Amino acid sequence: MTDDEIRAFIIQSLSAMNYDITDVDADTLLGPAGADLESLALAELSVRVEDQYGVRFDDDEAEKLVAMTIGEFARAVAQRVESASAAGR
């Protein structure tokens, strides 16, 4: 599982949620140049990521998540997937 594959999934999910993503490397998940996700949409995106990759981000992490770029979020998901795989070995 690569960061690029995860980033593509996140962008696809945001598109399905009717968010127009312009610059995925610069835009934050919540911010003036970003997808401007409200907390409900961030929760939906987190559920989609959990369903797809089996990794979870809890409510306490929401503030950190919204400050991330989409690329950073993809890397965070990839790290969790890798950690979960390593723990399961």
PDB file of N, CA and C in Angstrom:
ATOM      1  N   MET A   1       0.843  -1.173   0.000  1.00  0.00           N
ATOM      2  CA  MET A   1       0.000   0.000   0.000  1.00  0.00           C
ATOM      3  C   MET A   1       0.893   1.242   0.000  1.00  0.00           C
ATOM      4  N   THR A   2       0.780   2.048  -1.023  1.00  0.00           N
ATOM      5  CA  THR A   2       1.619   3.243  -1.111  1.00  0.00           C
ATOM      6  C   THR A   2       0.838   4.494  -0.705  1.00  0.00           C
ATOM      7  N   ASP A   3       1.595   5.527  -0.364  1.00  0.00           N
ATOM      8  CA  ASP A   3       0.978   6.817  -0.037  1.00  0.00           C
ATOM      9  C   ASP A   3       0.133   7.307  -1.205  1.00  0.00           C
ATOM     10  N   ASP A   4       0.648   7.118  -2.426  1.00  0.00           N
ATOM     11  CA  ASP A   4      -0.073   7.592  -3.616  1.00  0.00           C
ATOM     12  C   ASP A   4      -1.416   6.886  -3.781  1.00  0.00           C
ATOM     13  N   GLU A   5      -1.448   5.584  -3.497  1.00  0.00           N
ATOM     14  CA  GLU A   5      -2.714   4.837  -3.589  1.00  0.00           C
ATOM     15  C   GLU A   5      -3.708   5.342  -2.548  1.00  0.00           C
ATOM     16  N   ILE A   6      -3.204   5.599  -1.354  1.00  0.00           N
ATOM     17  CA  ILE A   6      -4.071   6.096  -0.290  1.00  0.00           C
ATOM     18  C   ILE A   6      -4.542   7.509  -0.611  1.00  0.00           C
ATOM     19  N   ARG A   7      -3.637   8.344  -1.120  1.00  0.00           N
ATOM     20  CA  ARG A   7      -4.013   9.706  -1.488  1.00  0.00           C
ATOM     21  C   ARG A   7      -5.090   9.676  -2.577  1.00  0.00           C
ATOM     22  N   ALA A   8      -4.932   8.781  -3.553  1.00  0.00           N
ATOM     23  CA  ALA A   8      -5.940   8.652  -4.618  1.00  0.00           C
ATOM     24  C   ALA A   8      -7.289   8.247  -4.031  1.00  0.00           C
ATOM     25  N   PHE A   9      -7.278   7.342  -3.052  1.00  0.00           N
ATOM     26  CA  PHE A   9      -8.524   6.933  -2.397  1.00  0.00           C
ATOM     27  C   PHE A   9      -9.157   8.111  -1.659  1.00  0.00           C
ATOM     28  N   ILE A  10      -8.333   8.901  -0.949  1.00  0.00           N
ATOM     29  CA  ILE A  10      -8.853  10.055  -0.210  1.00  0.00           C
ATOM     30  C   ILE A  10      -9.473  11.064  -1.167  1.00  0.00           C
ATOM     31  N   ILE A  11      -8.782  11.353  -2.262  1.00  0.00           N
ATOM     32  CA  ILE A  11      -9.314  12.305  -3.245  1.00  0.00           C
ATOM     33  C   ILE A  11     -10.603  11.772  -3.853  1.00  0.00           C
ATOM     34  N   GLN A  12     -10.617  10.484  -4.168  1.00  0.00           N
ATOM     35  CA  GLN A  12     -11.839   9.866  -4.712  1.00  0.00           C
ATOM     36  C   GLN A  12     -12.980   9.975  -3.703  1.00  0.00           C
ATOM     37  N   SER A  13     -12.682   9.727  -2.437  1.00  0.00           N
ATOM     38  CA  SER A  13     -13.706   9.817  -1.390  1.00  0.00           C
ATOM     39  C   SER A  13     -14.226  11.241  -1.262  1.00  0.00           C
ATOM     40  N   LEU A  14     -13.310  12.209  -1.252  1.00  0.00           N
ATOM     41  CA  LEU A  14     -13.731  13.603  -1.156  1.00  0.00           C
ATOM     42  C   LEU A  14     -14.571  14.008  -2.365  1.00  0.00           C
ATOM     43  N   SER A  15     -14.201  13.518  -3.533  1.00  0.00           N
ATOM     44  CA  SER A  15     -14.994  13.805  -4.730  1.00  0.00           C
ATOM     45  C   SER A  15     -16.389  13.203  -4.606  1.00  0.00           C
ATOM     46  N   ALA A  16     -16.461  11.982  -4.094  1.00  0.00           N
ATOM     47  CA  ALA A  16     -17.756  11.334  -3.887  1.00  0.00           C
ATOM     48  C   ALA A  16     -18.596  12.089  -2.858  1.00  0.00           C
ATOM     49  N   MET A  17     -17.902  12.782  -1.940  1.00  0.00           N
ATOM     50  CA  MET A  17     -18.581  13.587  -0.931  1.00  0.00           C
ATOM     51  C   MET A  17     -18.871  15.000  -1.459  1.00  0.00           C
ATOM     52  N   ASN A  18     -18.606  15.223  -2.752  1.00  0.00           N
ATOM     53  CA  ASN A  18     -18.852  16.498  -3.433  1.00  0.00           C
ATOM     54  C   ASN A  18     -17.938  17.635  -2.978  1.00  0.00           C
ATOM     55  N   TYR A  19     -16.687  17.312  -2.650  1.00  0.00           N
ATOM     56  CA  TYR A  19     -15.694  18.332  -2.356  1.00  0.00           C
ATOM     57  C   TYR A  19     -14.777  18.468  -3.552  1.00  0.00           C
ATOM     58  N   ASP A  20     -14.546  19.698  -3.977  1.00  0.00           N
ATOM     59  CA  ASP A  20     -13.673  19.980  -5.104  1.00  0.00           C
ATOM     60  C   ASP A  20     -12.259  20.206  -4.566  1.00  0.00           C
ATOM     61  N   ILE A  21     -11.375  19.299  -4.884  1.00  0.00           N
ATOM     62  CA  ILE A  21     -10.001  19.394  -4.411  1.00  0.00           C
ATOM     63  C   ILE A  21      -9.157  19.984  -5.533  1.00  0.00           C
ATOM     64  N   THR A  22      -8.459  21.074  -5.224  1.00  0.00           N
ATOM     65  CA  THR A  22      -7.694  21.747  -6.268  1.00  0.00           C
ATOM     66  C   THR A  22      -6.219  21.378  -6.228  1.00  0.00           C
ATOM     67  N   ASP A  23      -5.529  21.648  -5.155  1.00  0.00           N
ATOM     68  CA  ASP A  23      -4.092  21.381  -5.056  1.00  0.00           C
ATOM     69  C   ASP A  23      -3.853  20.455  -3.877  1.00  0.00           C
ATOM     70  N   VAL A  24      -3.800  19.164  -4.161  1.00  0.00           N
ATOM     71  CA  VAL A  24      -3.764  18.183  -3.075  1.00  0.00           C
ATOM     72  C   VAL A  24      -2.486  18.242  -2.250  1.00  0.00           C
ATOM     73  N   ASP A  25      -1.427  18.838  -2.777  1.00  0.00           N
ATOM     74  CA  ASP A  25      -0.201  18.928  -1.997  1.00  0.00           C
ATOM     75  C   ASP A  25      -0.179  20.145  -1.088  1.00  0.00           C
ATOM     76  N   ALA A  26      -0.961  21.164  -1.413  1.00  0.00           N
ATOM     77  CA  ALA A  26      -0.963  22.384  -0.607  1.00  0.00           C
ATOM     78  C   ALA A  26      -2.198  22.496   0.265  1.00  0.00           C
ATOM     79  N   ASP A  27      -3.312  21.941  -0.182  1.00  0.00           N
ATOM     80  CA  ASP A  27      -4.564  22.114   0.543  1.00  0.00           C
ATOM     81  C   ASP A  27      -4.595  21.289   1.819  1.00  0.00           C
ATOM     82  N   THR A  28      -5.094  21.919   2.864  1.00  0.00           N
ATOM     83  CA  THR A  28      -5.316  21.182   4.102  1.00  0.00           C
ATOM     84  C   THR A  28      -6.726  20.614   4.077  1.00  0.00           C
ATOM     85  N   LEU A  29      -6.976  19.641   4.937  1.00  0.00           N
ATOM     86  CA  LEU A  29      -8.306  19.061   4.992  1.00  0.00           C
ATOM     87  C   LEU A  29      -9.326  20.074   5.500  1.00  0.00           C
ATOM     88  N   LEU A  30      -8.855  21.053   6.255  1.00  0.00           N
ATOM     89  CA  LEU A  30      -9.741  22.125   6.705  1.00  0.00           C
ATOM     90  C   LEU A  30      -8.947  23.411   6.621  1.00  0.00           C
ATOM     91  N   GLY A  31      -9.378  24.311   5.805  1.00  0.00           N
ATOM     92  CA  GLY A  31      -8.642  25.560   5.693  1.00  0.00           C
ATOM     93  C   GLY A  31      -9.089  26.357   4.499  1.00  0.00           C
ATOM     94  N   PRO A  32      -8.634  27.597   4.417  1.00  0.00           N
ATOM     95  CA  PRO A  32      -9.106  28.479   3.365  1.00  0.00           C
ATOM     96  C   PRO A  32      -8.812  27.969   1.959  1.00  0.00           C
ATOM     97  N   ALA A  33      -7.684  27.281   1.783  1.00  0.00           N
ATOM     98  CA  ALA A  33      -7.341  26.786   0.445  1.00  0.00           C
ATOM     99  C   ALA A  33      -7.682  25.311   0.291  1.00  0.00           C
ATOM    100  N   GLY A  34      -8.193  24.702   1.357  1.00  0.00           N
ATOM    101  CA  GLY A  34      -8.388  23.262   1.345  1.00  0.00           C
ATOM    102  C   GLY A  34      -9.799  22.848   1.015  1.00  0.00           C
ATOM    103  N   ALA A  35     -10.106  21.646   1.374  1.00  0.00           N
ATOM    104  CA  ALA A  35     -11.426  21.102   1.116  1.00  0.00           C
ATOM    105  C   ALA A  35     -12.470  21.731   2.029  1.00  0.00           C
ATOM    106  N   ASP A  36     -11.999  22.414   3.089  1.00  0.00           N
ATOM    107  CA  ASP A  36     -12.875  23.085   4.045  1.00  0.00           C
ATOM    108  C   ASP A  36     -13.906  22.122   4.616  1.00  0.00           C
ATOM    109  N   LEU A  37     -13.417  21.017   5.113  1.00  0.00           N
ATOM    110  CA  LEU A  37     -14.296  19.999   5.678  1.00  0.00           C
ATOM    111  C   LEU A  37     -14.824  20.444   7.029  1.00  0.00           C
ATOM    112  N   GLU A  38     -16.116  20.379   7.205  1.00  0.00           N
ATOM    113  CA  GLU A  38     -16.671  20.578   8.528  1.00  0.00           C
ATOM    114  C   GLU A  38     -16.487  19.271   9.301  1.00  0.00           C
ATOM    115  N   SER A  39     -16.715  19.303  10.589  1.00  0.00           N
ATOM    116  CA  SER A  39     -16.422  18.132  11.417  1.00  0.00           C
ATOM    117  C   SER A  39     -17.204  16.899  10.982  1.00  0.00           C
ATOM    118  N   LEU A  40     -18.427  17.074  10.515  1.00  0.00           N
ATOM    119  CA  LEU A  40     -19.220  15.935  10.058  1.00  0.00           C
ATOM    120  C   LEU A  40     -18.590  15.281   8.831  1.00  0.00           C
ATOM    121  N   ALA A  41     -18.101  16.103   7.901  1.00  0.00           N
ATOM    122  CA  ALA A  41     -17.453  15.562   6.704  1.00  0.00           C
ATOM    123  C   ALA A  41     -16.129  14.894   7.045  1.00  0.00           C
ATOM    124  N   LEU A  42     -15.381  15.483   7.983  1.00  0.00           N
ATOM    125  CA  LEU A  42     -14.132  14.855   8.411  1.00  0.00           C
ATOM    126  C   LEU A  42     -14.423  13.500   9.039  1.00  0.00           C
ATOM    127  N   ALA A  43     -15.489  13.419   9.816  1.00  0.00           N
ATOM    128  CA  ALA A  43     -15.887  12.144  10.416  1.00  0.00           C
ATOM    129  C   ALA A  43     -16.239  11.129   9.325  1.00  0.00           C
ATOM    130  N   GLU A  44     -16.957  11.581   8.288  1.00  0.00           N
ATOM    131  CA  GLU A  44     -17.309  10.675   7.192  1.00  0.00           C
ATOM    132  C   GLU A  44     -16.058  10.196   6.461  1.00  0.00           C
ATOM    133  N   LEU A  45     -15.124  11.105   6.200  1.00  0.00           N
ATOM    134  CA  LEU A  45     -13.880  10.713   5.542  1.00  0.00           C
ATOM    135  C   LEU A  45     -13.111   9.716   6.403  1.00  0.00           C
ATOM    136  N   SER A  46     -13.060   9.946   7.702  1.00  0.00           N
ATOM    137  CA  SER A  46     -12.366   9.024   8.610  1.00  0.00           C
ATOM    138  C   SER A  46     -13.002   7.639   8.589  1.00  0.00           C
ATOM    139  N   VAL A  47     -14.329   7.587   8.517  1.00  0.00           N
ATOM    140  CA  VAL A  47     -15.028   6.301   8.445  1.00  0.00           C
ATOM    141  C   VAL A  47     -14.700   5.596   7.132  1.00  0.00           C
ATOM    142  N   ARG A  48     -14.672   6.344   6.037  1.00  0.00           N
ATOM    143  CA  ARG A  48     -14.324   5.740   4.739  1.00  0.00           C
ATOM    144  C   ARG A  48     -12.909   5.156   4.778  1.00  0.00           C
ATOM    145  N   VAL A  49     -11.973   5.900   5.386  1.00  0.00           N
ATOM    146  CA  VAL A  49     -10.593   5.431   5.502  1.00  0.00           C
ATOM    147  C   VAL A  49     -10.541   4.178   6.385  1.00  0.00           C
ATOM    148  N   GLU A  50     -11.280   4.208   7.483  1.00  0.00           N
ATOM    149  CA  GLU A  50     -11.300   3.045   8.380  1.00  0.00           C
ATOM    150  C   GLU A  50     -11.878   1.820   7.666  1.00  0.00           C
ATOM    151  N   ASP A  51     -12.960   2.003   6.924  1.00  0.00           N
ATOM    152  CA  ASP A  51     -13.569   0.889   6.193  1.00  0.00           C
ATOM    153  C   ASP A  51     -12.617   0.324   5.146  1.00  0.00           C
ATOM    154  N   GLN A  52     -11.894   1.211   4.470  1.00  0.00           N
ATOM    155  CA  GLN A  52     -11.001   0.777   3.383  1.00  0.00           C
ATOM    156  C   GLN A  52      -9.715   0.157   3.897  1.00  0.00           C
ATOM    157  N   TYR A  53      -9.124   0.767   4.939  1.00  0.00           N
ATOM    158  CA  TYR A  53      -7.787   0.372   5.371  1.00  0.00           C
ATOM    159  C   TYR A  53      -7.721  -0.220   6.771  1.00  0.00           C
ATOM    160  N   GLY A  54      -8.817  -0.173   7.502  1.00  0.00           N
ATOM    161  CA  GLY A  54      -8.835  -0.766   8.834  1.00  0.00           C
ATOM    162  C   GLY A  54      -8.086   0.029   9.887  1.00  0.00           C
ATOM    163  N   VAL A  55      -7.822   1.297   9.611  1.00  0.00           N
ATOM    164  CA  VAL A  55      -7.150   2.147  10.595  1.00  0.00           C
ATOM    165  C   VAL A  55      -8.117   3.239  11.030  1.00  0.00           C
ATOM    166  N   ARG A  56      -7.994   3.629  12.281  1.00  0.00           N
ATOM    167  CA  ARG A  56      -8.968   4.552  12.859  1.00  0.00           C
ATOM    168  C   ARG A  56      -8.281   5.796  13.400  1.00  0.00           C
ATOM    169  N   PHE A  57      -8.924   6.922  13.215  1.00  0.00           N
ATOM    170  CA  PHE A  57      -8.516   8.190  13.813  1.00  0.00           C
ATOM    171  C   PHE A  57      -9.646   8.608  14.738  1.00  0.00           C
ATOM    172  N   ASP A  58      -9.332   8.839  16.006  1.00  0.00           N
ATOM    173  CA  ASP A  58     -10.399   9.153  16.954  1.00  0.00           C
ATOM    174  C   ASP A  58     -10.668  10.657  17.023  1.00  0.00           C
ATOM    175  N   ASP A  59     -11.712  11.003  17.746  1.00  0.00           N
ATOM    176  CA  ASP A  59     -12.143  12.401  17.843  1.00  0.00           C
ATOM    177  C   ASP A  59     -11.057  13.303  18.422  1.00  0.00           C
ATOM    178  N   ASP A  60     -10.226  12.755  19.305  1.00  0.00           N
ATOM    179  CA  ASP A  60      -9.166  13.551  19.914  1.00  0.00           C
ATOM    180  C   ASP A  60      -8.115  13.989  18.890  1.00  0.00           C
ATOM    181  N   GLU A  61      -8.048  13.285  17.769  1.00  0.00           N
ATOM    182  CA  GLU A  61      -7.070  13.611  16.739  1.00  0.00           C
ATOM    183  C   GLU A  61      -7.605  14.574  15.678  1.00  0.00           C
ATOM    184  N   ALA A  62      -8.859  14.944  15.779  1.00  0.00           N
ATOM    185  CA  ALA A  62      -9.501  15.764  14.749  1.00  0.00           C
ATOM    186  C   ALA A  62      -8.763  17.076  14.505  1.00  0.00           C
ATOM    187  N   GLU A  63      -8.302  17.715  15.566  1.00  0.00           N
ATOM    188  CA  GLU A  63      -7.614  19.007  15.405  1.00  0.00           C
ATOM    189  C   GLU A  63      -6.333  18.842  14.588  1.00  0.00           C
ATOM    190  N   LYS A  64      -5.602  17.748  14.831  1.00  0.00           N
ATOM    191  CA  LYS A  64      -4.388  17.485  14.061  1.00  0.00           C
ATOM    192  C   LYS A  64      -4.735  17.156  12.616  1.00  0.00           C
ATOM    193  N   LEU A  65      -5.790  16.382  12.411  1.00  0.00           N
ATOM    194  CA  LEU A  65      -6.167  15.970  11.060  1.00  0.00           C
ATOM    195  C   LEU A  65      -6.513  17.152  10.172  1.00  0.00           C
ATOM    196  N   VAL A  66      -7.282  18.088  10.695  1.00  0.00           N
ATOM    197  CA  VAL A  66      -7.720  19.202   9.855  1.00  0.00           C
ATOM    198  C   VAL A  66      -6.567  20.120   9.464  1.00  0.00           C
ATOM    199  N   ALA A  67      -5.474  20.075  10.208  1.00  0.00           N
ATOM    200  CA  ALA A  67      -4.315  20.898   9.873  1.00  0.00           C
ATOM    201  C   ALA A  67      -3.406  20.216   8.853  1.00  0.00           C
ATOM    202  N   MET A  68      -3.658  18.945   8.560  1.00  0.00           N
ATOM    203  CA  MET A  68      -2.829  18.193   7.620  1.00  0.00           C
ATOM    204  C   MET A  68      -3.225  18.496   6.182  1.00  0.00           C
ATOM    205  N   THR A  69      -2.240  18.393   5.299  1.00  0.00           N
ATOM    206  CA  THR A  69      -2.570  18.388   3.880  1.00  0.00           C
ATOM    207  C   THR A  69      -3.103  17.005   3.545  1.00  0.00           C
ATOM    208  N   ILE A  70      -3.686  16.887   2.385  1.00  0.00           N
ATOM    209  CA  ILE A  70      -4.193  15.580   1.964  1.00  0.00           C
ATOM    210  C   ILE A  70      -3.041  14.587   1.848  1.00  0.00           C
ATOM    211  N   GLY A  71      -1.897  15.041   1.355  1.00  0.00           N
ATOM    212  CA  GLY A  71      -0.722  14.175   1.270  1.00  0.00           C
ATOM    213  C   GLY A  71      -0.246  13.727   2.646  1.00  0.00           C
ATOM    214  N   GLU A  72      -0.250  14.647   3.616  1.00  0.00           N
ATOM    215  CA  GLU A  72       0.147  14.293   4.983  1.00  0.00           C
ATOM    216  C   GLU A  72      -0.827  13.287   5.587  1.00  0.00           C
ATOM    217  N   PHE A  73      -2.100  13.484   5.321  1.00  0.00           N
ATOM    218  CA  PHE A  73      -3.102  12.549   5.827  1.00  0.00           C
ATOM    219  C   PHE A  73      -2.888  11.165   5.209  1.00  0.00           C
ATOM    220  N   ALA A  74      -2.592  11.133   3.915  1.00  0.00           N
ATOM    221  CA  ALA A  74      -2.321   9.854   3.245  1.00  0.00           C
ATOM    222  C   ALA A  74      -1.113   9.163   3.875  1.00  0.00           C
ATOM    223  N   ARG A  75      -0.065   9.919   4.181  1.00  0.00           N
ATOM    224  CA  ARG A  75       1.116   9.334   4.827  1.00  0.00           C
ATOM    225  C   ARG A  75       0.786   8.834   6.234  1.00  0.00           C
ATOM    226  N   ALA A  76      -0.046   9.575   6.962  1.00  0.00           N
ATOM    227  CA  ALA A  76      -0.443   9.147   8.305  1.00  0.00           C
ATOM    228  C   ALA A  76      -1.221   7.831   8.242  1.00  0.00           C
ATOM    229  N   VAL A  77      -2.099   7.709   7.249  1.00  0.00           N
ATOM    230  CA  VAL A  77      -2.853   6.460   7.070  1.00  0.00           C
ATOM    231  C   VAL A  77      -1.884   5.332   6.732  1.00  0.00           C
ATOM    232  N   ALA A  78      -0.953   5.581   5.811  1.00  0.00           N
ATOM    233  CA  ALA A  78       0.018   4.560   5.409  1.00  0.00           C
ATOM    234  C   ALA A  78       0.843   4.092   6.604  1.00  0.00           C
ATOM    235  N   GLN A  79       1.245   5.026   7.468  1.00  0.00           N
ATOM    236  CA  GLN A  79       2.021   4.657   8.657  1.00  0.00           C
ATOM    237  C   GLN A  79       1.195   3.776   9.591  1.00  0.00           C
ATOM    238  N   ARG A  80      -0.077   4.098   9.739  1.00  0.00           N
ATOM    239  CA  ARG A  80      -0.939   3.284  10.609  1.00  0.00           C
ATOM    240  C   ARG A  80      -1.159   1.891  10.019  1.00  0.00           C
ATOM    241  N   VAL A  81      -1.333   1.826   8.708  1.00  0.00           N
ATOM    242  CA  VAL A  81      -1.499   0.534   8.046  1.00  0.00           C
ATOM    243  C   VAL A  81      -0.239  -0.309   8.261  1.00  0.00           C
ATOM    244  N   GLU A  82       0.925   0.321   8.078  1.00  0.00           N
ATOM    245  CA  GLU A  82       2.199  -0.379   8.266  1.00  0.00           C
ATOM    246  C   GLU A  82       2.367  -0.846   9.704  1.00  0.00           C
ATOM    247  N   SER A  83       2.040   0.033  10.656  1.00  0.00           N
ATOM    248  CA  SER A  83       2.149  -0.335  12.082  1.00  0.00           C
ATOM    249  C   SER A  83       1.212  -1.476  12.432  1.00  0.00           C
ATOM    250  N   ALA A  84       0.000  -1.437  11.908  1.00  0.00           N
ATOM    251  CA  ALA A  84      -0.967  -2.508  12.183  1.00  0.00           C
ATOM    252  C   ALA A  84      -0.488  -3.820  11.568  1.00  0.00           C
ATOM    253  N   SER A  85       0.092  -3.749  10.382  1.00  0.00           N
ATOM    254  CA  SER A  85       0.610  -4.961   9.731  1.00  0.00           C
ATOM    255  C   SER A  85       1.769  -5.540  10.528  1.00  0.00           C
ATOM    256  N   ALA A  86       2.660  -4.666  11.007  1.00  0.00           N
ATOM    257  CA  ALA A  86       3.800  -5.118  11.788  1.00  0.00           C
ATOM    258  C   ALA A  86       3.362  -5.739  13.104  1.00  0.00           C
ATOM    259  N   ALA A  87       2.337  -5.176  13.724  1.00  0.00           N
ATOM    260  CA  ALA A  87       1.834  -5.704  14.995  1.00  0.00           C
ATOM    261  C   ALA A  87       1.152  -7.059  14.796  1.00  0.00           C
ATOM    262  N   GLY A  88       0.570  -7.258  13.609  1.00  0.00           N
ATOM    263  CA  GLY A  88      -0.136  -8.491  13.331  1.00  0.00           C
ATOM    264  C   GLY A  88       0.758  -9.639  12.914  1.00  0.00           C
ATOM    265  N   ARG A  89       2.028  -9.351  12.706  1.00  0.00           N
ATOM    266  CA  ARG A  89       2.962 -10.401  12.252  1.00  0.00           C
ATOM    267  C   ARG A  89       3.395 -11.270  13.380  1.00  0.00           C
TER     268      ARG A  89
END
